[in-house]
Amino acid sequence: MMKNISKKNGIATLPIMMVLGMITLAVVVSISSVALNELLISQGAYQSASALSYAEGGARDALIRITRNKNYLCATMDCYSLDFATNGCVEGTGCAFVTVSGTGTIADPKIITSKGKVKSIVRKMQVTVTLDGGTTDPALQNGLITSTTWTELTN
């Protein structure tokens, strides 16, 4: 005796494949989203570290200028700039803006402010410099840097 077997085998395959496809797509989109987010975070961290390095480079350049000329002043805001990349300051891809004020005495130390910039990220360094132990006696002033204090500014 033969049974009448229906030819409906595989009818559930299409909905199962669609559900599995949607789950796979959701997993792929989630992994891609996490990977993109990690890329953006690491890129921001790299740019921030570069901006800090550029700020330190600008401060070191100002220290060299003070070493060569103890009376060096450049007190206007962002008095001079240094490019660390081609057209760095024009394009904002890597530069430092530097200001130097003060005389170098204890009462009026030289203040170097350097802003490193990479795209929209800006990091600032301030270096306080005392010359000749902070003396105001002209006979004892020869421009020797006797003290520096490095601080990263958060504003």
Foldseek 3Di string as FASTA:
>chain_A
DDDDDDPCPPVCVVVVVVVVVVVVVVVVVVVVVVVVVVVVVVVVVVQQVQFVVQQVVQVVVVVVVCQVPVADFQADWLSDKDAPDVCCVVQQQWMKRWGWDFNQAPVTWIKIWIWITHPPHIKIKIKTWHFQHRDPPPVSGDSHTDDIDIDIDPD
